[in-house]
Amino acid sequence: MRMKIRARVALALAAALTWVAPALALAQQFEKVSGAAREELPAARFVAAAYSFIWIAVVLYVVSIARGLGKVRKDLDELKNKLERSSPRP
């Protein structure tokens, strides 16, 4: 009994797809539209803004690293001087 119901459902689906197939084929045909209003985004401005933001962020990062490295070098030189003064020479 269940096989008969499944067969009927499968047959009904196949018939429905056969009936809908020409409509699907017509729905997939495209026509060129000319003279339609286009919405354009100023992409060049957005790209330029994004690149400038990234480059500014990179430059600021490099500057902050360089300043930190300068402080570390200064501290290291002070430590070397303190060690030279405090350690007796033979």
N, C-alpha and C. Protein backbone atom coordinates (compact mmCIF):
# COMPACT_ATOMS: atom_id res chain seq x y z
N MET A 1 0.82 -1.19 0.00
CA MET A 1 0.00 0.00 0.00
C MET A 1 0.87 1.26 0.00
N ARG A 2 1.94 1.23 0.84
CA ARG A 2 2.81 2.40 0.89
C ARG A 2 3.53 2.61 -0.43
N MET A 3 3.87 1.53 -1.11
CA MET A 3 4.55 1.65 -2.40
C MET A 3 3.64 2.30 -3.43
N LYS A 4 2.37 2.00 -3.37
CA LYS A 4 1.43 2.61 -4.31
C LYS A 4 1.33 4.11 -4.05
N ILE A 5 1.33 4.50 -2.77
CA ILE A 5 1.25 5.92 -2.44
C ILE A 5 2.52 6.63 -2.89
N ARG A 6 3.67 6.02 -2.64
CA ARG A 6 4.93 6.63 -3.07
C ARG A 6 5.00 6.72 -4.59
N ALA A 7 4.53 5.71 -5.26
CA ALA A 7 4.54 5.74 -6.73
C ALA A 7 3.63 6.84 -7.24
N ARG A 8 2.47 7.00 -6.62
CA ARG A 8 1.54 8.05 -7.05
C ARG A 8 2.14 9.44 -6.79
N VAL A 9 2.81 9.60 -5.65
CA VAL A 9 3.45 10.89 -5.34
C VAL A 9 4.56 11.18 -6.33
N ALA A 10 5.35 10.17 -6.64
CA ALA A 10 6.43 10.35 -7.61
C ALA A 10 5.88 10.68 -8.99
N LEU A 11 4.81 10.02 -9.38
CA LEU A 11 4.17 10.28 -10.66
C LEU A 11 3.61 11.70 -10.69
N ALA A 12 3.01 12.13 -9.60
CA ALA A 12 2.45 13.48 -9.53
C ALA A 12 3.56 14.52 -9.61
N LEU A 13 4.67 14.28 -8.93
CA LEU A 13 5.81 15.21 -9.01
C LEU A 13 6.39 15.28 -10.41
N ALA A 14 6.51 14.15 -11.05
CA ALA A 14 7.04 14.13 -12.42
C ALA A 14 6.10 14.88 -13.35
N ALA A 15 4.80 14.69 -13.18
CA ALA A 15 3.84 15.41 -14.03
C ALA A 15 3.90 16.91 -13.77
N ALA A 16 4.05 17.29 -12.51
CA ALA A 16 4.12 18.72 -12.17
C ALA A 16 5.38 19.34 -12.76
N LEU A 17 6.50 18.64 -12.66
CA LEU A 17 7.73 19.17 -13.24
C LEU A 17 7.65 19.28 -14.76
N THR A 18 7.01 18.31 -15.38
CA THR A 18 6.84 18.36 -16.83
C THR A 18 5.96 19.53 -17.23
N TRP A 19 4.96 19.83 -16.43
CA TRP A 19 4.06 20.93 -16.73
C TRP A 19 4.73 22.28 -16.47
N VAL A 20 5.63 22.36 -15.44
CA VAL A 20 6.27 23.63 -15.06
C VAL A 20 7.53 23.90 -15.88
N ALA A 21 8.13 22.89 -16.49
CA ALA A 21 9.40 23.04 -17.20
C ALA A 21 9.36 24.13 -18.27
N PRO A 22 8.34 24.22 -19.13
CA PRO A 22 8.35 25.30 -20.13
C PRO A 22 8.30 26.69 -19.48
N ALA A 23 7.59 26.83 -18.39
CA ALA A 23 7.54 28.12 -17.71
C ALA A 23 8.91 28.46 -17.12
N LEU A 24 9.61 27.47 -16.59
CA LEU A 24 10.96 27.72 -16.08
C LEU A 24 11.92 28.12 -17.19
N ALA A 25 11.76 27.50 -18.35
CA ALA A 25 12.62 27.84 -19.48
C ALA A 25 12.36 29.27 -19.93
N LEU A 26 11.10 29.69 -19.95
CA LEU A 26 10.79 31.06 -20.33
C LEU A 26 11.29 32.05 -19.27
N ALA A 27 11.26 31.66 -18.03
CA ALA A 27 11.71 32.55 -16.96
C ALA A 27 13.21 32.77 -17.01
N GLN A 28 13.94 31.88 -17.64
CA GLN A 28 15.38 32.01 -17.70
C GLN A 28 15.87 32.78 -18.91
N GLN A 29 14.99 33.25 -19.74
CA GLN A 29 15.39 34.06 -20.88
C GLN A 29 15.60 35.49 -20.42
N PHE A 30 16.69 36.08 -20.84
CA PHE A 30 17.02 37.43 -20.42
C PHE A 30 16.88 38.39 -21.60
N GLU A 31 16.45 39.56 -21.31
CA GLU A 31 16.35 40.61 -22.32
C GLU A 31 17.21 41.77 -21.89
N LYS A 32 17.90 42.34 -22.85
CA LYS A 32 18.75 43.48 -22.57
C LYS A 32 17.89 44.71 -22.32
N VAL A 33 18.18 45.40 -21.25
CA VAL A 33 17.44 46.61 -20.91
C VAL A 33 18.33 47.79 -21.26
N SER A 34 17.82 48.68 -22.06
CA SER A 34 18.62 49.85 -22.42
C SER A 34 17.95 51.10 -21.88
N GLY A 35 18.76 52.03 -21.47
CA GLY A 35 18.24 53.28 -20.97
C GLY A 35 17.71 53.23 -19.56
N ALA A 36 18.00 52.18 -18.84
CA ALA A 36 17.51 52.07 -17.46
C ALA A 36 18.38 52.94 -16.55
N ALA A 37 17.79 53.48 -15.52
CA ALA A 37 18.54 54.29 -14.57
C ALA A 37 19.45 53.38 -13.76
N ARG A 38 20.70 53.76 -13.64
CA ARG A 38 21.68 52.97 -12.90
C ARG A 38 22.07 53.71 -11.64
N GLU A 39 22.15 52.97 -10.59
CA GLU A 39 22.65 53.54 -9.34
C GLU A 39 24.12 53.22 -9.25
N GLU A 40 24.94 54.25 -9.21
CA GLU A 40 26.38 54.04 -9.19
C GLU A 40 26.95 54.48 -7.85
N LEU A 41 27.81 53.67 -7.32
CA LEU A 41 28.49 54.01 -6.08
C LEU A 41 29.85 54.58 -6.43
N PRO A 42 30.29 55.58 -5.70
CA PRO A 42 31.61 56.14 -5.96
C PRO A 42 32.70 55.22 -5.42
N ALA A 43 32.95 54.14 -6.13
CA ALA A 43 33.88 53.12 -5.65
C ALA A 43 35.30 53.64 -5.54
N ALA A 44 35.69 54.52 -6.42
CA ALA A 44 37.06 55.03 -6.39
C ALA A 44 37.33 55.75 -5.07
N ARG A 45 36.36 56.50 -4.60
CA ARG A 45 36.54 57.21 -3.33
C ARG A 45 36.65 56.23 -2.17
N PHE A 46 35.82 55.20 -2.19
CA PHE A 46 35.86 54.22 -1.10
C PHE A 46 37.18 53.45 -1.09
N VAL A 47 37.66 53.09 -2.26
CA VAL A 47 38.93 52.37 -2.35
C VAL A 47 40.08 53.26 -1.88
N ALA A 48 40.08 54.51 -2.31
CA ALA A 48 41.13 55.44 -1.90
C ALA A 48 41.09 55.66 -0.39
N ALA A 49 39.90 55.80 0.16
CA ALA A 49 39.77 55.99 1.60
C ALA A 49 40.27 54.76 2.36
N ALA A 50 39.94 53.59 1.87
CA ALA A 50 40.37 52.36 2.54
C ALA A 50 41.89 52.23 2.51
N TYR A 51 42.49 52.46 1.34
CA TYR A 51 43.94 52.36 1.24
C TYR A 51 44.63 53.41 2.10
N SER A 52 44.11 54.64 2.11
CA SER A 52 44.74 55.67 2.93
C SER A 52 44.61 55.32 4.41
N PHE A 53 43.47 54.80 4.82
CA PHE A 53 43.30 54.40 6.22
C PHE A 53 44.31 53.32 6.59
N ILE A 54 44.47 52.32 5.74
CA ILE A 54 45.40 51.24 6.03
C ILE A 54 46.83 51.75 6.10
N TRP A 55 47.22 52.60 5.14
CA TRP A 55 48.59 53.11 5.14
C TRP A 55 48.86 54.00 6.34
N ILE A 56 47.89 54.82 6.73
CA ILE A 56 48.07 55.65 7.92
C ILE A 56 48.22 54.77 9.16
N ALA A 57 47.41 53.72 9.24
CA ALA A 57 47.51 52.80 10.38
C ALA A 57 48.87 52.11 10.41
N VAL A 58 49.39 51.70 9.26
CA VAL A 58 50.70 51.04 9.19
C VAL A 58 51.80 52.02 9.60
N VAL A 59 51.73 53.24 9.11
CA VAL A 59 52.76 54.23 9.45
C VAL A 59 52.72 54.53 10.95
N LEU A 60 51.54 54.71 11.52
CA LEU A 60 51.44 54.96 12.96
C LEU A 60 51.98 53.78 13.77
N TYR A 61 51.72 52.57 13.32
CA TYR A 61 52.23 51.39 14.01
C TYR A 61 53.75 51.35 13.96
N VAL A 62 54.32 51.61 12.80
CA VAL A 62 55.79 51.59 12.66
C VAL A 62 56.41 52.69 13.52
N VAL A 63 55.80 53.86 13.54
CA VAL A 63 56.32 54.96 14.36
C VAL A 63 56.27 54.59 15.84
N SER A 64 55.17 53.99 16.28
CA SER A 64 55.08 53.61 17.69
C SER A 64 56.10 52.54 18.04
N ILE A 65 56.34 51.59 17.15
CA ILE A 65 57.36 50.57 17.39
C ILE A 65 58.74 51.20 17.43
N ALA A 66 59.01 52.14 16.54
CA ALA A 66 60.31 52.79 16.52
C ALA A 66 60.54 53.60 17.80
N ARG A 67 59.51 54.29 18.28
CA ARG A 67 59.64 55.04 19.53
C ARG A 67 59.90 54.10 20.69
N GLY A 68 59.18 52.99 20.74
CA GLY A 68 59.40 52.02 21.80
C GLY A 68 60.80 51.44 21.75
N LEU A 69 61.28 51.16 20.54
CA LEU A 69 62.63 50.62 20.39
C LEU A 69 63.66 51.65 20.84
N GLY A 70 63.41 52.92 20.56
CA GLY A 70 64.32 53.98 21.03
C GLY A 70 64.38 54.03 22.56
N LYS A 71 63.24 53.88 23.20
CA LYS A 71 63.22 53.87 24.66
C LYS A 71 63.97 52.66 25.22
N VAL A 72 63.80 51.52 24.59
CA VAL A 72 64.48 50.31 25.05
C VAL A 72 65.99 50.47 24.88
N ARG A 73 66.42 51.04 23.77
CA ARG A 73 67.87 51.26 23.56
C ARG A 73 68.42 52.23 24.60
N LYS A 74 67.67 53.26 24.90
CA LYS A 74 68.10 54.23 25.91
C LYS A 74 68.23 53.55 27.27
N ASP A 75 67.23 52.76 27.64
CA ASP A 75 67.27 52.03 28.91
C ASP A 75 68.44 51.04 28.95
N LEU A 76 68.69 50.38 27.82
CA LEU A 76 69.79 49.43 27.76
C LEU A 76 71.13 50.13 27.91
N ASP A 77 71.30 51.30 27.29
CA ASP A 77 72.53 52.06 27.46
C ASP A 77 72.72 52.51 28.90
N GLU A 78 71.64 52.95 29.56
CA GLU A 78 71.73 53.35 30.96
C GLU A 78 72.11 52.17 31.84
N LEU A 79 71.55 51.01 31.56
CA LEU A 79 71.87 49.82 32.33
C LEU A 79 73.33 49.42 32.13
N LYS A 80 73.83 49.50 30.90
CA LYS A 80 75.23 49.19 30.65
C LYS A 80 76.14 50.14 31.41
N ASN A 81 75.81 51.43 31.41
CA ASN A 81 76.61 52.42 32.13
C ASN A 81 76.61 52.14 33.63
N LYS A 82 75.44 51.80 34.19
CA LYS A 82 75.37 51.49 35.61
C LYS A 82 76.20 50.26 35.95
N LEU A 83 76.14 49.25 35.09
CA LEU A 83 76.91 48.03 35.33
C LEU A 83 78.41 48.30 35.24
N GLU A 84 78.82 49.14 34.31
CA GLU A 84 80.24 49.45 34.17
C GLU A 84 80.75 50.22 35.39
N ARG A 85 79.90 51.12 35.92
CA ARG A 85 80.29 51.91 37.08
C ARG A 85 80.34 51.06 38.35
N SER A 86 79.41 50.13 38.47
CA SER A 86 79.31 49.38 39.71
C SER A 86 80.24 48.18 39.77
N SER A 87 80.63 47.63 38.67
CA SER A 87 81.50 46.44 38.69
C SER A 87 82.95 46.87 38.74
N PRO A 88 83.70 46.26 39.68
CA PRO A 88 85.14 46.61 39.76
C PRO A 88 85.90 46.00 38.60
N ARG A 89 86.85 46.76 38.12
CA ARG A 89 87.68 46.25 37.01
C ARG A 89 88.95 45.65 37.59
N PRO A 90 89.36 44.53 37.01
CA PRO A 90 90.57 43.89 37.53
C PRO A 90 91.84 44.59 37.13
